[in-house]
Amino acid sequence: MRLAIPIVVACALGTAGCGFHPLFARSETNAGGQQAFNSIFVDPVGGGRAAYELRDSLINLLRGTSRPDQALYRLKITLKQSLEGTAVQTNGYITRYTYTMTADYQLTNIHTGAELTKGTETTFSGYDVVASPYATLVSQQDAQKFGAHEIADRIRIDLGVYFIRKPAAP
């Protein structure tokens, strides 16, 4: 027990100077990151229900502006979706699907149109086909919603890293 305390203290002191800090920590030094998020206008995304979920998730996560005339940045997203049967019975019936969602995003300066950063995020989710068509539909919609939230969170992280590394000026 006497040896454990010095080891813990040594580990704590060793990591104290490494420069690690949480990306989305609430502090005065990170206020610029949230201000940048607040000044992002997310363009409408084409692609049905999943696209709506993706845009809505991004707006909520970024707490971005709903009016492009109040924004400094514009986030454009191109969404691709695919559905693939991954479990097929011997009689040919598909019993499980894999839903793939890929979002290509581009952050631009709203005044100059200059590209600031871009990237691609992909997520996979699956759902089972059951006897009830309604339950299968709900499962499919849940997979789309999960994918949209997952991609929105990844884009937020990518943008957070961009704004931490770059000055917040438009």
N, C-alpha and C. Protein backbone atom coordinates (compact mmCIF):
# COMPACT_ATOMS: atom_id res chain seq x y z
N MET A 1 0.83 -1.19 0.00
CA MET A 1 0.00 0.00 0.00
C MET A 1 0.87 1.26 0.00
N ARG A 2 1.98 1.22 0.75
CA ARG A 2 2.86 2.38 0.81
C ARG A 2 3.50 2.67 -0.55
N LEU A 3 3.72 1.66 -1.32
CA LEU A 3 4.33 1.81 -2.64
C LEU A 3 3.34 2.32 -3.68
N ALA A 4 2.06 2.02 -3.49
CA ALA A 4 1.03 2.41 -4.46
C ALA A 4 0.85 3.92 -4.54
N ILE A 5 0.89 4.59 -3.43
CA ILE A 5 0.66 6.05 -3.41
C ILE A 5 1.76 6.78 -4.18
N PRO A 6 3.04 6.49 -3.97
CA PRO A 6 4.08 7.18 -4.77
C PRO A 6 3.96 6.87 -6.27
N ILE A 7 3.56 5.67 -6.60
CA ILE A 7 3.41 5.32 -8.02
C ILE A 7 2.28 6.14 -8.65
N VAL A 8 1.16 6.26 -7.96
CA VAL A 8 0.04 7.06 -8.47
C VAL A 8 0.44 8.52 -8.61
N VAL A 9 1.13 9.05 -7.63
CA VAL A 9 1.58 10.45 -7.68
C VAL A 9 2.56 10.65 -8.84
N ALA A 10 3.47 9.71 -9.04
CA ALA A 10 4.44 9.81 -10.13
C ALA A 10 3.74 9.77 -11.49
N CYS A 11 2.75 8.91 -11.62
CA CYS A 11 2.00 8.84 -12.88
C CYS A 11 1.23 10.14 -13.13
N ALA A 12 0.63 10.68 -12.09
CA ALA A 12 -0.11 11.93 -12.24
C ALA A 12 0.81 13.07 -12.63
N LEU A 13 1.97 13.15 -12.02
CA LEU A 13 2.92 14.21 -12.36
C LEU A 13 3.48 14.01 -13.77
N GLY A 14 3.66 12.77 -14.17
CA GLY A 14 4.20 12.49 -15.50
C GLY A 14 3.25 12.89 -16.61
N THR A 15 1.96 12.77 -16.39
CA THR A 15 1.00 13.13 -17.43
C THR A 15 0.56 14.59 -17.34
N ALA A 16 0.87 15.27 -16.26
CA ALA A 16 0.44 16.65 -16.10
C ALA A 16 1.03 17.58 -17.14
N GLY A 17 2.23 17.31 -17.59
CA GLY A 17 2.88 18.20 -18.54
C GLY A 17 2.75 17.76 -19.99
N CYS A 18 1.91 16.78 -20.27
CA CYS A 18 1.84 16.25 -21.63
C CYS A 18 1.05 17.14 -22.58
N GLY A 19 0.29 18.09 -22.06
CA GLY A 19 -0.46 18.99 -22.93
C GLY A 19 -1.84 18.51 -23.27
N PHE A 20 -2.28 17.39 -22.73
CA PHE A 20 -3.63 16.88 -23.00
C PHE A 20 -4.66 17.81 -22.40
N HIS A 21 -5.69 18.10 -23.18
CA HIS A 21 -6.85 18.80 -22.66
C HIS A 21 -8.07 18.35 -23.46
N PRO A 22 -9.21 18.21 -22.80
CA PRO A 22 -10.40 17.75 -23.49
C PRO A 22 -10.81 18.72 -24.59
N LEU A 23 -11.22 18.18 -25.73
CA LEU A 23 -11.55 19.00 -26.88
C LEU A 23 -12.74 19.92 -26.61
N PHE A 24 -13.76 19.41 -25.94
CA PHE A 24 -14.97 20.20 -25.73
C PHE A 24 -15.14 20.63 -24.28
N ALA A 25 -14.04 20.80 -23.56
CA ALA A 25 -14.11 21.25 -22.18
C ALA A 25 -14.62 22.68 -22.13
N ARG A 26 -15.38 22.97 -21.12
CA ARG A 26 -15.89 24.33 -20.95
C ARG A 26 -14.84 25.15 -20.19
N SER A 27 -14.22 26.05 -20.91
CA SER A 27 -13.22 26.91 -20.27
C SER A 27 -13.09 28.18 -21.08
N GLU A 28 -12.41 29.14 -20.50
CA GLU A 28 -12.21 30.40 -21.22
C GLU A 28 -11.32 30.21 -22.43
N THR A 29 -10.39 29.27 -22.37
CA THR A 29 -9.49 29.06 -23.50
C THR A 29 -10.19 28.40 -24.67
N ASN A 30 -11.31 27.72 -24.44
CA ASN A 30 -12.02 27.03 -25.51
C ASN A 30 -13.26 27.80 -25.95
N ALA A 31 -13.47 28.99 -25.44
CA ALA A 31 -14.65 29.76 -25.79
C ALA A 31 -14.71 30.05 -27.28
N GLY A 32 -13.55 30.23 -27.92
CA GLY A 32 -13.51 30.50 -29.35
C GLY A 32 -14.06 29.35 -30.17
N GLY A 33 -13.82 28.12 -29.72
CA GLY A 33 -14.33 26.95 -30.43
C GLY A 33 -15.84 26.93 -30.46
N GLN A 34 -16.48 27.18 -29.33
CA GLN A 34 -17.94 27.19 -29.29
C GLN A 34 -18.49 28.39 -30.05
N GLN A 35 -17.81 29.53 -30.00
CA GLN A 35 -18.25 30.68 -30.78
C GLN A 35 -18.20 30.37 -32.26
N ALA A 36 -17.17 29.65 -32.69
CA ALA A 36 -17.08 29.26 -34.10
C ALA A 36 -18.23 28.31 -34.45
N PHE A 37 -18.52 27.36 -33.57
CA PHE A 37 -19.65 26.45 -33.80
C PHE A 37 -20.95 27.23 -33.93
N ASN A 38 -21.13 28.22 -33.06
CA ASN A 38 -22.36 29.02 -33.07
C ASN A 38 -22.53 29.81 -34.36
N SER A 39 -21.45 30.03 -35.08
CA SER A 39 -21.52 30.83 -36.30
C SER A 39 -21.49 29.98 -37.57
N ILE A 40 -21.85 28.70 -37.45
CA ILE A 40 -21.91 27.80 -38.61
C ILE A 40 -23.37 27.64 -39.04
N PHE A 41 -23.62 27.86 -40.31
CA PHE A 41 -24.92 27.58 -40.90
C PHE A 41 -24.82 26.24 -41.62
N VAL A 42 -25.68 25.30 -41.25
CA VAL A 42 -25.69 23.98 -41.89
C VAL A 42 -26.70 24.02 -43.02
N ASP A 43 -26.19 23.87 -44.25
CA ASP A 43 -27.08 23.86 -45.42
C ASP A 43 -28.05 22.68 -45.34
N PRO A 44 -29.24 22.83 -45.91
CA PRO A 44 -30.15 21.68 -46.01
C PRO A 44 -29.47 20.55 -46.78
N VAL A 45 -29.72 19.33 -46.32
CA VAL A 45 -29.09 18.15 -46.90
C VAL A 45 -30.16 17.34 -47.62
N GLY A 46 -29.88 16.96 -48.86
CA GLY A 46 -30.81 16.13 -49.60
C GLY A 46 -30.63 14.67 -49.25
N GLY A 47 -31.74 13.92 -49.18
CA GLY A 47 -31.62 12.49 -48.90
C GLY A 47 -32.68 11.93 -47.99
N GLY A 48 -33.80 12.63 -47.86
CA GLY A 48 -34.91 12.08 -47.10
C GLY A 48 -34.77 12.19 -45.60
N ARG A 49 -35.37 11.22 -44.91
CA ARG A 49 -35.44 11.21 -43.44
C ARG A 49 -34.06 11.23 -42.80
N ALA A 50 -33.15 10.42 -43.31
CA ALA A 50 -31.80 10.36 -42.74
C ALA A 50 -31.08 11.70 -42.88
N ALA A 51 -31.27 12.37 -44.00
CA ALA A 51 -30.65 13.68 -44.22
C ALA A 51 -31.21 14.71 -43.23
N TYR A 52 -32.51 14.65 -43.00
CA TYR A 52 -33.13 15.55 -42.03
C TYR A 52 -32.55 15.29 -40.64
N GLU A 53 -32.43 14.02 -40.27
CA GLU A 53 -31.87 13.66 -38.96
C GLU A 53 -30.43 14.15 -38.82
N LEU A 54 -29.65 14.01 -39.90
CA LEU A 54 -28.26 14.44 -39.88
C LEU A 54 -28.16 15.95 -39.67
N ARG A 55 -28.90 16.71 -40.45
CA ARG A 55 -28.84 18.17 -40.32
C ARG A 55 -29.33 18.62 -38.94
N ASP A 56 -30.41 18.03 -38.48
CA ASP A 56 -30.97 18.39 -37.18
C ASP A 56 -29.97 18.07 -36.06
N SER A 57 -29.32 16.92 -36.15
CA SER A 57 -28.31 16.55 -35.14
C SER A 57 -27.14 17.53 -35.14
N LEU A 58 -26.69 17.92 -36.34
CA LEU A 58 -25.58 18.86 -36.43
C LEU A 58 -25.95 20.22 -35.84
N ILE A 59 -27.14 20.70 -36.17
CA ILE A 59 -27.58 21.99 -35.63
C ILE A 59 -27.62 21.94 -34.11
N ASN A 60 -28.13 20.84 -33.55
CA ASN A 60 -28.21 20.71 -32.10
C ASN A 60 -26.83 20.59 -31.46
N LEU A 61 -25.94 19.80 -32.07
CA LEU A 61 -24.61 19.62 -31.50
C LEU A 61 -23.76 20.89 -31.58
N LEU A 62 -23.85 21.58 -32.70
CA LEU A 62 -23.04 22.79 -32.90
C LEU A 62 -23.68 24.02 -32.27
N ARG A 63 -24.98 23.93 -32.03
CA ARG A 63 -25.77 25.09 -31.61
C ARG A 63 -25.54 26.24 -32.61
N GLY A 64 -25.57 25.82 -33.89
CA GLY A 64 -25.31 26.75 -34.97
C GLY A 64 -26.47 27.68 -35.25
N THR A 65 -26.22 28.64 -36.09
CA THR A 65 -27.23 29.63 -36.43
C THR A 65 -28.21 29.05 -37.46
N SER A 66 -29.44 29.49 -37.38
CA SER A 66 -30.45 29.02 -38.33
C SER A 66 -30.60 29.98 -39.51
N ARG A 67 -29.84 31.07 -39.47
CA ARG A 67 -29.94 32.07 -40.54
C ARG A 67 -28.57 32.26 -41.19
N PRO A 68 -28.48 32.06 -42.50
CA PRO A 68 -27.17 32.21 -43.16
C PRO A 68 -26.63 33.63 -43.10
N ASP A 69 -27.49 34.65 -42.98
CA ASP A 69 -27.00 36.03 -42.92
C ASP A 69 -26.33 36.34 -41.58
N GLN A 70 -26.50 35.47 -40.56
CA GLN A 70 -25.85 35.66 -39.27
C GLN A 70 -24.63 34.76 -39.10
N ALA A 71 -24.29 34.00 -40.13
CA ALA A 71 -23.22 33.01 -40.03
C ALA A 71 -21.90 33.53 -40.59
N LEU A 72 -20.83 32.95 -40.11
CA LEU A 72 -19.50 33.20 -40.66
C LEU A 72 -19.05 32.04 -41.54
N TYR A 73 -19.62 30.86 -41.26
CA TYR A 73 -19.22 29.65 -41.96
C TYR A 73 -20.45 28.93 -42.51
N ARG A 74 -20.24 28.19 -43.59
CA ARG A 74 -21.31 27.38 -44.19
C ARG A 74 -20.81 25.94 -44.24
N LEU A 75 -21.63 25.03 -43.75
CA LEU A 75 -21.30 23.61 -43.78
C LEU A 75 -22.21 22.93 -44.80
N LYS A 76 -21.58 22.42 -45.86
CA LYS A 76 -22.32 21.72 -46.92
C LYS A 76 -22.06 20.23 -46.78
N ILE A 77 -23.11 19.45 -46.91
CA ILE A 77 -22.99 18.00 -46.75
C ILE A 77 -23.65 17.30 -47.93
N THR A 78 -22.95 16.33 -48.47
CA THR A 78 -23.50 15.44 -49.49
C THR A 78 -23.63 14.07 -48.85
N LEU A 79 -24.83 13.54 -48.86
CA LEU A 79 -25.11 12.28 -48.17
C LEU A 79 -25.34 11.16 -49.16
N LYS A 80 -24.68 10.04 -48.91
CA LYS A 80 -24.88 8.83 -49.70
C LYS A 80 -25.33 7.72 -48.76
N GLN A 81 -26.34 6.96 -49.18
CA GLN A 81 -26.87 5.89 -48.36
C GLN A 81 -26.97 4.62 -49.18
N SER A 82 -26.72 3.49 -48.54
CA SER A 82 -26.91 2.22 -49.23
C SER A 82 -27.43 1.18 -48.23
N LEU A 83 -28.13 0.21 -48.78
CA LEU A 83 -28.72 -0.86 -47.99
C LEU A 83 -28.31 -2.17 -48.63
N GLU A 84 -27.76 -3.07 -47.84
CA GLU A 84 -27.28 -4.33 -48.38
C GLU A 84 -27.76 -5.48 -47.50
N GLY A 85 -28.34 -6.49 -48.13
CA GLY A 85 -28.74 -7.68 -47.40
C GLY A 85 -27.52 -8.46 -46.98
N THR A 86 -27.39 -8.72 -45.67
CA THR A 86 -26.19 -9.40 -45.19
C THR A 86 -26.47 -10.80 -44.64
N ALA A 87 -27.73 -11.10 -44.39
CA ALA A 87 -28.09 -12.45 -43.94
C ALA A 87 -29.23 -12.93 -44.83
N VAL A 88 -28.94 -13.97 -45.62
CA VAL A 88 -29.92 -14.48 -46.58
C VAL A 88 -30.16 -15.96 -46.26
N GLN A 89 -31.43 -16.28 -46.15
CA GLN A 89 -31.79 -17.68 -45.91
C GLN A 89 -31.64 -18.48 -47.20
N THR A 90 -31.70 -19.79 -47.09
CA THR A 90 -31.56 -20.65 -48.26
C THR A 90 -32.70 -20.46 -49.26
N ASN A 91 -33.84 -20.00 -48.79
CA ASN A 91 -34.98 -19.75 -49.69
C ASN A 91 -34.90 -18.37 -50.35
N GLY A 92 -33.84 -17.60 -50.08
CA GLY A 92 -33.66 -16.31 -50.72
C GLY A 92 -34.16 -15.12 -49.94
N TYR A 93 -34.82 -15.33 -48.81
CA TYR A 93 -35.32 -14.22 -48.01
C TYR A 93 -34.18 -13.58 -47.22
N ILE A 94 -34.15 -12.27 -47.24
CA ILE A 94 -33.14 -11.53 -46.48
C ILE A 94 -33.67 -11.32 -45.07
N THR A 95 -32.84 -11.66 -44.09
CA THR A 95 -33.26 -11.53 -42.70
C THR A 95 -32.49 -10.45 -41.94
N ARG A 96 -31.46 -9.89 -42.54
CA ARG A 96 -30.70 -8.80 -41.92
C ARG A 96 -30.13 -7.90 -42.99
N TYR A 97 -30.19 -6.61 -42.72
CA TYR A 97 -29.65 -5.60 -43.63
C TYR A 97 -28.56 -4.81 -42.93
N THR A 98 -27.59 -4.37 -43.71
CA THR A 98 -26.59 -3.41 -43.24
C THR A 98 -26.85 -2.10 -43.96
N TYR A 99 -27.02 -1.06 -43.16
CA TYR A 99 -27.29 0.28 -43.68
C TYR A 99 -25.98 1.07 -43.58
N THR A 100 -25.55 1.62 -44.70
CA THR A 100 -24.31 2.40 -44.75
C THR A 100 -24.65 3.85 -45.09
N MET A 101 -24.09 4.75 -44.32
CA MET A 101 -24.29 6.18 -44.56
C MET A 101 -22.92 6.83 -44.67
N THR A 102 -22.70 7.58 -45.75
CA THR A 102 -21.45 8.30 -45.95
C THR A 102 -21.77 9.78 -46.19
N ALA A 103 -21.11 10.63 -45.45
CA ALA A 103 -21.31 12.07 -45.58
C ALA A 103 -20.00 12.73 -45.97
N ASP A 104 -20.00 13.42 -47.10
CA ASP A 104 -18.88 14.27 -47.49
C ASP A 104 -19.25 15.68 -47.04
N TYR A 105 -18.39 16.30 -46.27
CA TYR A 105 -18.71 17.64 -45.78
C TYR A 105 -17.62 18.62 -46.19
N GLN A 106 -18.04 19.88 -46.26
CA GLN A 106 -17.12 20.96 -46.63
C GLN A 106 -17.51 22.20 -45.84
N LEU A 107 -16.56 22.76 -45.11
CA LEU A 107 -16.77 24.00 -44.37
C LEU A 107 -16.14 25.13 -45.16
N THR A 108 -16.94 26.15 -45.46
CA THR A 108 -16.44 27.29 -46.23
C THR A 108 -16.69 28.59 -45.47
N ASN A 109 -15.92 29.59 -45.82
CA ASN A 109 -16.16 30.94 -45.34
C ASN A 109 -17.38 31.46 -46.09
N ILE A 110 -18.38 31.90 -45.36
CA ILE A 110 -19.64 32.28 -46.01
C ILE A 110 -19.50 33.55 -46.85
N HIS A 111 -18.52 34.40 -46.51
CA HIS A 111 -18.36 35.66 -47.24
C HIS A 111 -17.51 35.51 -48.50
N THR A 112 -16.45 34.72 -48.40
CA THR A 112 -15.54 34.59 -49.54
C THR A 112 -15.76 33.30 -50.33
N GLY A 113 -16.39 32.33 -49.72
CA GLY A 113 -16.58 31.04 -50.38
C GLY A 113 -15.36 30.15 -50.32
N ALA A 114 -14.30 30.60 -49.64
CA ALA A 114 -13.06 29.83 -49.55
C ALA A 114 -13.28 28.58 -48.70
N GLU A 115 -12.76 27.47 -49.19
CA GLU A 115 -12.86 26.21 -48.45
C GLU A 115 -11.89 26.24 -47.28
N LEU A 116 -12.39 25.93 -46.09
CA LEU A 116 -11.55 25.93 -44.89
C LEU A 116 -11.13 24.51 -44.51
N THR A 117 -12.05 23.59 -44.57
CA THR A 117 -11.75 22.19 -44.29
C THR A 117 -12.82 21.32 -44.93
N LYS A 118 -12.48 20.07 -45.14
CA LYS A 118 -13.45 19.12 -45.68
C LYS A 118 -13.09 17.73 -45.19
N GLY A 119 -14.01 16.81 -45.36
CA GLY A 119 -13.76 15.44 -44.93
C GLY A 119 -14.90 14.52 -45.30
N THR A 120 -14.71 13.27 -44.95
CA THR A 120 -15.72 12.24 -45.21
C THR A 120 -15.88 11.40 -43.96
N GLU A 121 -17.10 11.13 -43.60
CA GLU A 121 -17.39 10.26 -42.46
C GLU A 121 -18.35 9.17 -42.92
N THR A 122 -18.12 7.95 -42.47
CA THR A 122 -18.95 6.82 -42.83
C THR A 122 -19.32 6.04 -41.58
N THR A 123 -20.55 5.55 -41.56
CA THR A 123 -20.99 4.71 -40.46
C THR A 123 -21.83 3.57 -40.99
N PHE A 124 -21.82 2.47 -40.25
CA PHE A 124 -22.59 1.29 -40.60
C PHE A 124 -23.51 0.94 -39.43
N SER A 125 -24.71 0.53 -39.74
CA SER A 125 -25.60 0.01 -38.72
C SER A 125 -26.44 -1.09 -39.36
N GLY A 126 -26.98 -1.95 -38.55
CA GLY A 126 -27.74 -3.06 -39.10
C GLY A 126 -29.07 -3.22 -38.41
N TYR A 127 -29.94 -3.92 -39.07
CA TYR A 127 -31.23 -4.22 -38.46
C TYR A 127 -31.75 -5.54 -39.03
N ASP A 128 -32.58 -6.19 -38.23
CA ASP A 128 -33.15 -7.48 -38.60
C ASP A 128 -34.52 -7.30 -39.25
N VAL A 129 -34.83 -8.19 -40.17
CA VAL A 129 -36.15 -8.25 -40.76
C VAL A 129 -36.95 -9.24 -39.92
N VAL A 130 -38.06 -8.78 -39.38
CA VAL A 130 -38.90 -9.64 -38.53
C VAL A 130 -40.25 -9.87 -39.18
N ALA A 131 -41.09 -10.65 -38.54
CA ALA A 131 -42.39 -11.01 -39.11
C ALA A 131 -43.30 -9.79 -39.31
N SER A 132 -43.18 -8.82 -38.45
CA SER A 132 -44.03 -7.63 -38.54
C SER A 132 -43.38 -6.58 -39.46
N PRO A 133 -44.06 -6.22 -40.55
CA PRO A 133 -43.50 -5.19 -41.43
C PRO A 133 -43.30 -3.85 -40.71
N TYR A 134 -44.20 -3.53 -39.80
CA TYR A 134 -44.08 -2.28 -39.06
C TYR A 134 -42.82 -2.29 -38.18
N ALA A 135 -42.57 -3.40 -37.50
CA ALA A 135 -41.39 -3.50 -36.64
C ALA A 135 -40.12 -3.42 -37.48
N THR A 136 -40.13 -4.00 -38.66
CA THR A 136 -38.97 -3.92 -39.55
C THR A 136 -38.74 -2.48 -40.00
N LEU A 137 -39.82 -1.77 -40.35
CA LEU A 137 -39.71 -0.37 -40.75
C LEU A 137 -39.15 0.49 -39.62
N VAL A 138 -39.63 0.26 -38.41
CA VAL A 138 -39.13 1.01 -37.26
C VAL A 138 -37.64 0.72 -37.04
N SER A 139 -37.25 -0.54 -37.20
CA SER A 139 -35.84 -0.90 -37.07
C SER A 139 -34.99 -0.21 -38.12
N GLN A 140 -35.50 -0.13 -39.34
CA GLN A 140 -34.77 0.55 -40.41
C GLN A 140 -34.62 2.03 -40.09
N GLN A 141 -35.67 2.65 -39.62
CA GLN A 141 -35.61 4.07 -39.27
C GLN A 141 -34.67 4.31 -38.09
N ASP A 142 -34.65 3.38 -37.14
CA ASP A 142 -33.71 3.50 -36.02
C ASP A 142 -32.27 3.41 -36.49
N ALA A 143 -32.00 2.53 -37.45
CA ALA A 143 -30.65 2.41 -38.01
C ALA A 143 -30.25 3.70 -38.71
N GLN A 144 -31.17 4.32 -39.44
CA GLN A 144 -30.89 5.59 -40.10
C GLN A 144 -30.63 6.69 -39.08
N LYS A 145 -31.44 6.73 -38.04
CA LYS A 145 -31.29 7.75 -37.01
C LYS A 145 -29.95 7.59 -36.28
N PHE A 146 -29.61 6.35 -35.95
CA PHE A 146 -28.33 6.08 -35.31
C PHE A 146 -27.18 6.54 -36.20
N GLY A 147 -27.24 6.20 -37.49
CA GLY A 147 -26.19 6.60 -38.43
C GLY A 147 -26.06 8.11 -38.52
N ALA A 148 -27.18 8.80 -38.58
CA ALA A 148 -27.17 10.26 -38.68
C ALA A 148 -26.54 10.89 -37.44
N HIS A 149 -26.91 10.42 -36.26
CA HIS A 149 -26.35 10.96 -35.03
C HIS A 149 -24.86 10.66 -34.92
N GLU A 150 -24.47 9.47 -35.33
CA GLU A 150 -23.06 9.09 -35.28
C GLU A 150 -22.21 9.98 -36.21
N ILE A 151 -22.68 10.19 -37.42
CA ILE A 151 -21.94 11.02 -38.36
C ILE A 151 -21.91 12.48 -37.89
N ALA A 152 -23.02 12.97 -37.37
CA ALA A 152 -23.05 14.35 -36.87
C ALA A 152 -22.02 14.54 -35.76
N ASP A 153 -21.92 13.58 -34.87
CA ASP A 153 -20.96 13.68 -33.78
C ASP A 153 -19.53 13.65 -34.31
N ARG A 154 -19.26 12.82 -35.29
CA ARG A 154 -17.92 12.75 -35.87
C ARG A 154 -17.55 14.04 -36.60
N ILE A 155 -18.51 14.62 -37.31
CA ILE A 155 -18.25 15.90 -37.99
C ILE A 155 -17.97 16.99 -36.97
N ARG A 156 -18.73 16.99 -35.87
CA ARG A 156 -18.50 17.98 -34.81
C ARG A 156 -17.08 17.84 -34.26
N ILE A 157 -16.63 16.63 -34.06
CA ILE A 157 -15.27 16.42 -33.56
C ILE A 157 -14.25 16.92 -34.58
N ASP A 158 -14.45 16.59 -35.85
CA ASP A 158 -13.53 17.07 -36.90
C ASP A 158 -13.48 18.59 -36.93
N LEU A 159 -14.63 19.24 -36.84
CA LEU A 159 -14.66 20.70 -36.86
C LEU A 159 -14.03 21.27 -35.60
N GLY A 160 -14.23 20.62 -34.47
CA GLY A 160 -13.60 21.06 -33.23
C GLY A 160 -12.09 21.02 -33.33
N VAL A 161 -11.56 19.96 -33.91
CA VAL A 161 -10.11 19.85 -34.11
C VAL A 161 -9.64 20.96 -35.05
N TYR A 162 -10.40 21.21 -36.13
CA TYR A 162 -10.02 22.27 -37.06
C TYR A 162 -9.95 23.62 -36.34
N PHE A 163 -10.97 23.94 -35.55
CA PHE A 163 -11.01 25.26 -34.90
C PHE A 163 -9.98 25.38 -33.77
N ILE A 164 -9.61 24.27 -33.16
CA ILE A 164 -8.56 24.32 -32.13
C ILE A 164 -7.21 24.62 -32.79
N ARG A 165 -6.99 24.05 -33.96
CA ARG A 165 -5.70 24.23 -34.65
C ARG A 165 -5.60 25.54 -35.41
N LYS A 166 -6.72 26.10 -35.82
CA LYS A 166 -6.74 27.32 -36.62
C LYS A 166 -7.31 28.47 -35.81
N PRO A 167 -6.93 29.70 -36.15
CA PRO A 167 -7.54 30.85 -35.47
C PRO A 167 -9.01 30.94 -35.84
N ALA A 168 -9.82 31.47 -34.94
CA ALA A 168 -11.27 31.53 -35.12
C ALA A 168 -11.71 32.63 -36.07
N ALA A 169 -10.80 33.42 -36.60
CA ALA A 169 -11.20 34.51 -37.49
C ALA A 169 -11.75 33.94 -38.80
N PRO A 170 -12.81 34.58 -39.36
CA PRO A 170 -13.39 34.08 -40.61
C PRO A 170 -12.47 34.31 -41.71
